[in-house]
Protein backbone atom coordinates (compact mmCIF):
# COMPACT_ATOMS: atom_id res chain seq x y z
CA MET A 1 -37.56 109.04 -7.66
CA ALA A 2 -39.93 106.26 -8.77
CA ALA A 3 -40.04 103.63 -11.63
CA VAL A 4 -43.19 103.39 -13.77
CA GLY A 5 -43.05 100.77 -16.39
CA HIS A 6 -39.74 101.27 -18.19
CA GLU A 7 -39.41 104.88 -17.22
CA LEU A 8 -37.67 106.67 -14.29
CA VAL A 9 -39.62 109.62 -12.84
CA LEU A 10 -37.48 112.23 -11.00
CA ILE A 11 -39.34 114.93 -9.13
CA ILE A 12 -37.41 117.97 -7.88
CA ASP A 13 -39.20 120.09 -5.30
CA CYS A 14 -36.59 122.63 -4.39
CA ASP A 15 -32.88 123.55 -4.61
CA ASN A 16 -30.16 121.96 -2.57
CA ASN A 17 -30.43 124.75 0.07
CA GLY A 18 -34.23 124.11 0.51
CA THR A 19 -35.06 127.70 -0.07
CA LYS A 20 -36.15 127.95 -3.73
CA LEU A 21 -39.17 125.99 -5.08
CA LYS A 22 -38.70 124.05 -8.36
CA ALA A 23 -41.57 121.51 -8.72
CA GLU A 24 -39.71 119.96 -11.73
CA VAL A 25 -40.49 116.61 -13.24
CA HIS A 26 -37.97 114.73 -15.40
CA VAL A 27 -38.59 111.34 -17.11
CA TYR A 28 -35.87 109.05 -18.32
CA ASN A 29 -36.89 106.31 -20.74
CA MET A 30 -34.75 103.24 -20.09
CA ILE A 31 -35.42 101.76 -23.48
CA ALA A 32 -34.65 104.82 -25.55
CA GLY A 33 -31.97 106.12 -23.17
CA THR A 34 -33.34 109.68 -23.31
CA TRP A 35 -34.69 112.35 -20.84
CA ARG A 36 -37.77 114.40 -21.40
CA GLN A 37 -39.34 117.23 -19.42
CA GLY A 38 -42.56 116.26 -17.63
CA LYS A 39 -45.33 118.51 -16.50
CA SER A 40 -44.42 120.57 -13.33
CA MET A 41 -46.02 119.57 -10.14
CA PRO A 42 -49.06 121.74 -9.00
CA PRO A 43 -48.03 124.52 -6.55
CA LEU A 44 -48.83 122.90 -3.28
CA LEU A 45 -45.33 123.74 -1.87
CA ARG A 46 -44.89 120.04 -0.98
CA ARG A 47 -41.68 118.81 0.38
CA TYR A 48 -39.96 117.18 3.42
CA ALA A 49 -40.45 113.41 3.14
CA ALA A 50 -43.87 113.37 1.34
CA ALA A 51 -44.90 109.71 0.88
CA TYR A 52 -44.58 108.41 -2.65
CA ALA A 53 -44.98 105.12 -4.48
CA SER A 54 -45.02 103.70 -7.97
CA GLY A 55 -48.23 102.36 -9.21
CA PRO A 56 -49.68 101.39 -12.68
CA ARG A 57 -48.92 104.17 -15.08
CA ALA A 58 -48.56 106.73 -12.22
CA VAL A 59 -46.59 108.03 -9.26
CA PHE A 60 -48.65 108.71 -6.11
CA LEU A 61 -47.66 111.35 -3.52
CA ALA A 62 -49.30 112.37 -0.23
CA GLY A 63 -48.48 114.29 2.96
CA GLY A 64 -45.25 116.30 3.45
CA ASN A 65 -45.52 119.97 4.41
CA ASP A 66 -45.83 123.44 2.82
CA LEU A 67 -42.18 124.43 3.14
CA CYS A 68 -42.96 127.99 4.15
CA ASN A 69 -44.98 127.55 7.35
CA ARG A 70 -44.02 123.96 8.08
CA ARG A 71 -47.69 122.90 8.15
CA CYS A 72 -48.42 119.26 7.61
CA LEU A 73 -50.58 118.51 4.60
CA ASN A 74 -53.26 115.99 4.03
CA SER A 75 -53.46 116.59 0.32
CA ALA A 76 -52.45 113.93 -2.31
CA LEU A 77 -51.50 113.84 -6.01
CA SER A 78 -50.90 111.35 -8.79
CA TYR A 79 -48.73 111.83 -11.84
CA ASP A 80 -49.83 109.99 -14.86
CA VAL A 81 -46.59 109.30 -16.74
CA VAL A 82 -48.15 108.33 -20.14
CA ALA A 83 -50.58 111.21 -20.25
CA ASP A 84 -48.07 113.60 -18.66
CA GLU A 85 -50.78 114.97 -16.29
CA TRP A 86 -51.05 115.67 -12.59
CA VAL A 87 -54.30 114.59 -10.91
CA ARG A 88 -55.57 115.98 -7.59
CA LEU A 89 -56.67 113.08 -5.39
CA PRO A 90 -59.21 113.44 -2.46
CA ASN A 91 -57.57 114.50 0.81
CA MET A 92 -56.47 111.98 3.39
CA SER A 93 -58.68 111.87 6.58
CA ARG A 94 -56.11 113.98 8.40
CA PRO A 95 -52.68 115.53 8.03
CA LEU A 96 -49.83 113.16 9.01
CA ALA A 97 -48.63 113.96 12.51
CA MET A 98 -44.93 113.93 11.59
CA TYR A 99 -42.97 115.41 8.70
CA ALA A 100 -41.59 111.96 7.97
CA CYS A 101 -43.83 109.74 5.97
CA GLU A 102 -43.45 106.85 3.54
CA GLY A 103 -45.57 105.18 0.92
CA MET A 104 -45.82 101.87 -0.87
CA PHE A 105 -48.24 100.39 -3.57
CA ALA A 106 -49.69 96.91 -3.01
CA ASP A 107 -53.02 95.15 -3.88
CA GLY A 108 -54.22 98.04 -5.91
CA ALA A 109 -53.83 100.57 -3.07
CA PHE A 110 -51.36 103.35 -2.31
CA ARG A 111 -50.54 102.87 1.38
CA VAL A 112 -49.24 105.84 3.45
CA LEU A 113 -47.16 105.35 6.63
CA GLU A 114 -45.92 107.78 9.15
CA PHE A 115 -43.06 107.81 11.54
CA ASP A 116 -43.92 107.47 15.20
CA THR A 117 -41.22 109.16 17.27
CA TYR A 118 -42.38 107.67 20.48
CA ARG A 119 -42.04 104.11 19.18
CA ASN A 120 -39.19 104.97 16.84
CA GLY A 121 -40.83 103.24 13.80
CA TRP A 122 -43.30 103.40 11.04
CA ARG A 123 -47.02 102.89 11.50
CA SER A 124 -50.03 102.57 9.16
CA ALA A 125 -52.02 105.64 8.33
CA ASP A 126 -54.43 105.80 5.31
CA GLU A 127 -54.57 103.90 2.00
CA PHE A 128 -55.96 104.99 -1.28
CA ASP A 129 -57.99 102.49 -3.23
CA VAL A 130 -57.16 103.45 -6.88
CA GLU A 131 -60.21 101.64 -8.41
CA ALA A 132 -62.67 103.09 -5.87
CA GLY A 133 -60.99 106.43 -5.91
CA ARG A 134 -61.19 107.04 -2.19
CA TRP A 135 -59.12 106.86 1.05
CA LYS A 136 -59.78 104.45 3.90
CA LYS A 137 -58.08 103.49 7.16
CA SER A 138 -55.45 100.89 6.50
CA GLU A 139 -56.30 97.52 8.20
CA ARG A 140 -52.71 96.33 7.80
CA LYS A 141 -50.96 96.24 11.21
CA ILE A 142 -47.50 97.74 10.82
CA GLU A 143 -46.24 98.82 14.20
CA SER A 144 -42.67 100.11 14.80
CA ALA A 145 -41.44 99.02 11.41
CA ILE A 146 -38.04 100.56 10.59
CA CYS A 147 -38.73 100.28 6.80
CA VAL A 148 -41.28 98.65 4.58
CA ALA A 149 -41.54 97.39 0.94
CA ALA A 150 -44.01 95.74 -1.38
CA ALA A 151 -43.82 93.81 -4.74
CA GLU A 152 -45.99 91.38 -6.69
CA GLY A 153 -48.74 91.61 -4.07
CA ARG A 154 -46.38 90.71 -1.25
CA GLU A 155 -45.50 92.98 1.58
CA TYR A 156 -42.39 93.04 3.87
CA MET A 157 -41.10 94.99 6.71
CA CYS A 158 -37.89 95.25 8.65
CA ARG A 159 -38.02 95.81 12.42
CA ASP A 160 -35.92 95.70 15.51
CA GLY A 161 -35.30 92.00 16.46
CA GLY A 162 -33.46 92.82 19.63
CA TRP A 163 -29.77 92.83 20.50
CA LYS A 164 -29.04 95.22 17.55
CA LYS A 165 -30.48 92.83 15.04
CA LEU A 166 -32.90 93.66 12.22
CA GLU A 167 -35.54 91.13 11.45
CA VAL A 168 -37.11 90.88 7.98
CA LEU A 169 -40.73 89.75 7.91
CA GLU A 170 -43.29 88.92 5.26
CA PHE A 171 -47.07 89.59 5.67
CA VAL A 172 -49.02 86.28 5.48
CA GLY A 173 -52.39 87.39 7.02
CA GLY A 174 -55.68 86.89 5.36
CA GLY A 175 -56.52 88.36 1.86
CA ASP A 176 -59.01 90.78 3.45
CA GLY A 177 -55.99 92.61 4.92
CA ARG A 178 -56.64 91.41 8.42
CA ALA A 179 -54.07 89.61 10.61
CA GLY A 180 -53.82 85.92 10.42
CA LYS A 181 -52.18 83.56 12.97
CA VAL A 182 -49.27 81.76 11.45
CA LEU A 183 -46.07 80.09 12.50
CA ASP A 184 -42.69 81.47 11.71
CA ASP A 185 -39.52 79.50 10.91
CA THR A 186 -38.71 79.35 14.66
CA HIS A 187 -42.16 77.82 15.45
CA GLY A 188 -43.27 81.00 17.25
CA GLY A 189 -46.81 82.05 16.79
CA THR A 190 -47.37 85.57 15.26
CA VAL A 191 -50.34 87.50 16.41
CA ASP A 192 -50.11 90.23 13.71
CA GLY A 193 -50.03 88.19 10.49
CA TRP A 194 -46.29 88.55 9.91
CA ARG A 195 -43.71 85.72 9.36
CA SER A 196 -40.01 86.03 9.91
CA LEU A 197 -37.76 85.48 6.91
CA GLY A 198 -34.41 86.03 8.52
CA VAL A 199 -32.13 88.49 10.32
CA PHE A 200 -30.08 91.18 8.52
CA PRO A 201 -26.44 90.08 8.71
CA CYS A 202 -25.15 93.46 9.69
CA ASP A 203 -25.43 94.75 13.20
CA GLY A 204 -27.20 98.04 13.80
CA LEU A 205 -30.67 99.36 13.57
CA MET A 206 -30.33 102.11 10.94
CA PRO A 207 -31.25 100.89 7.47
CA THR A 208 -32.10 103.65 5.00
CA TYR A 209 -34.55 101.80 2.88
CA MET A 210 -35.77 98.45 1.84
CA MET A 211 -36.74 97.15 -1.75
CA ALA A 212 -38.50 94.08 -2.86
CA TRP A 213 -39.22 92.13 -6.07
CA ASP A 214 -40.46 88.61 -6.81
CA GLY A 215 -37.42 86.59 -5.78
CA GLY A 216 -35.53 88.94 -3.56
CA ILE A 217 -35.45 91.71 -0.96
CA MET A 218 -32.69 94.41 -0.59
CA VAL A 219 -32.04 95.96 2.75
CA CYS A 220 -29.61 98.96 2.85
CA ASN A 221 -27.97 101.23 5.32
CA TRP A 222 -25.26 103.83 4.88
CA GLN A 223 -22.47 101.31 4.81
CA ASP A 224 -23.92 98.00 3.72
CA SER A 225 -26.46 96.50 1.33
CA TYR A 226 -27.62 92.89 1.40
CA VAL A 227 -30.05 90.99 -0.79
CA LEU A 228 -32.10 88.15 0.73
CA GLU A 229 -32.81 85.60 -1.92
CA ILE A 230 -36.11 84.09 -1.35
CA GLY A 231 -36.45 82.22 -4.66
CA GLY A 232 -39.69 83.75 -5.86
CA ALA A 233 -43.34 83.40 -4.68
CA ALA A 234 -43.44 79.67 -5.14
CA ALA A 235 -40.39 79.10 -2.90
CA ALA A 236 -41.04 81.85 -0.36
CA ALA A 237 -41.80 79.27 2.32
CA ALA A 238 -38.60 77.27 1.96
CA PRO A 239 -36.18 78.42 4.61
CA GLU A 240 -33.21 76.66 3.05
CA LYS A 241 -33.55 78.87 -0.02
CA LYS A 242 -33.08 82.13 1.97
CA LYS A 243 -29.48 83.37 1.69
CA TRP A 244 -28.12 86.86 2.20
CA LYS A 245 -25.63 88.26 -0.30
CA ARG A 246 -23.74 91.45 0.20
CA ILE A 247 -23.86 94.01 -2.65
CA GLU A 248 -20.78 96.17 -3.32
CA TRP A 249 -21.60 99.78 -4.12
CA PRO A 250 -19.49 101.85 -6.66
CA ASP A 251 -16.84 103.94 -4.86
CA ASP A 252 -18.30 107.14 -6.29
CA LEU A 253 -21.77 106.51 -5.00
CA THR A 254 -21.67 108.35 -1.66
CA SER A 255 -25.35 108.84 -1.05
CA LYS A 256 -27.99 106.07 -1.25
CA ARG A 257 -31.13 107.66 0.05
CA PHE A 258 -33.59 107.19 -2.84
CA SER A 259 -34.09 103.93 -4.87
CA CYS A 260 -36.38 102.18 -7.18
CA ILE A 261 -36.66 98.88 -9.10
CA PHE A 262 -37.28 98.20 -12.72
CA GLN A 263 -38.55 94.92 -14.11
CA LEU A 264 -38.04 94.99 -17.81
């Protein structure tokens, strides 16, 4: 599920039992309030946590496996929502080592991350430069992140802060993607270009996802969801403006695995 402009793109790869391929695309227009059938995904048999992200006009997908033989894939696709067309992208430099992968779109690039079972967290893999039309090794240092998010050219991650605490950080390194030495709110020097924004108010290290927009960050797990109000890009460096607010879910919403954000 991804948001592109004012439309919601829903991609269904198989049935609930995971045995029958579907490759269906459904698009919901938030303004008109109507669904339409999109063009089916090309038959790459892609499923199991393929990385995806919303970009300008398009949804990007990469990785996953072939369902039948459980072979990891290095292929990538983009779905142009306006033209209703699938585009085959160049292959990544290698198949992702694990079935679990995640994607995000920032600074004109589709970044793919993979889950490292040894470190129990996400790490950077490749990134696709949309303008140049090619993959390259990501220079962003994301090690052992539990979840990541990006919005308005700003990037965030949530990682183990010790003692069953989750720490939310913002990337403040150089514009060339390399790490910069900065000071966080506790006056501790960071060597990887990330600055601490606060600690998730709920104990435990199992968030399901993280979302970000200019002015706020939402971190969710199976029981709780909190929004960190950072006051927009101009006020992001003001610690006194950062406050957590708990969000109540509707009682009939039992599964909160997939998410996306619209800015209309």
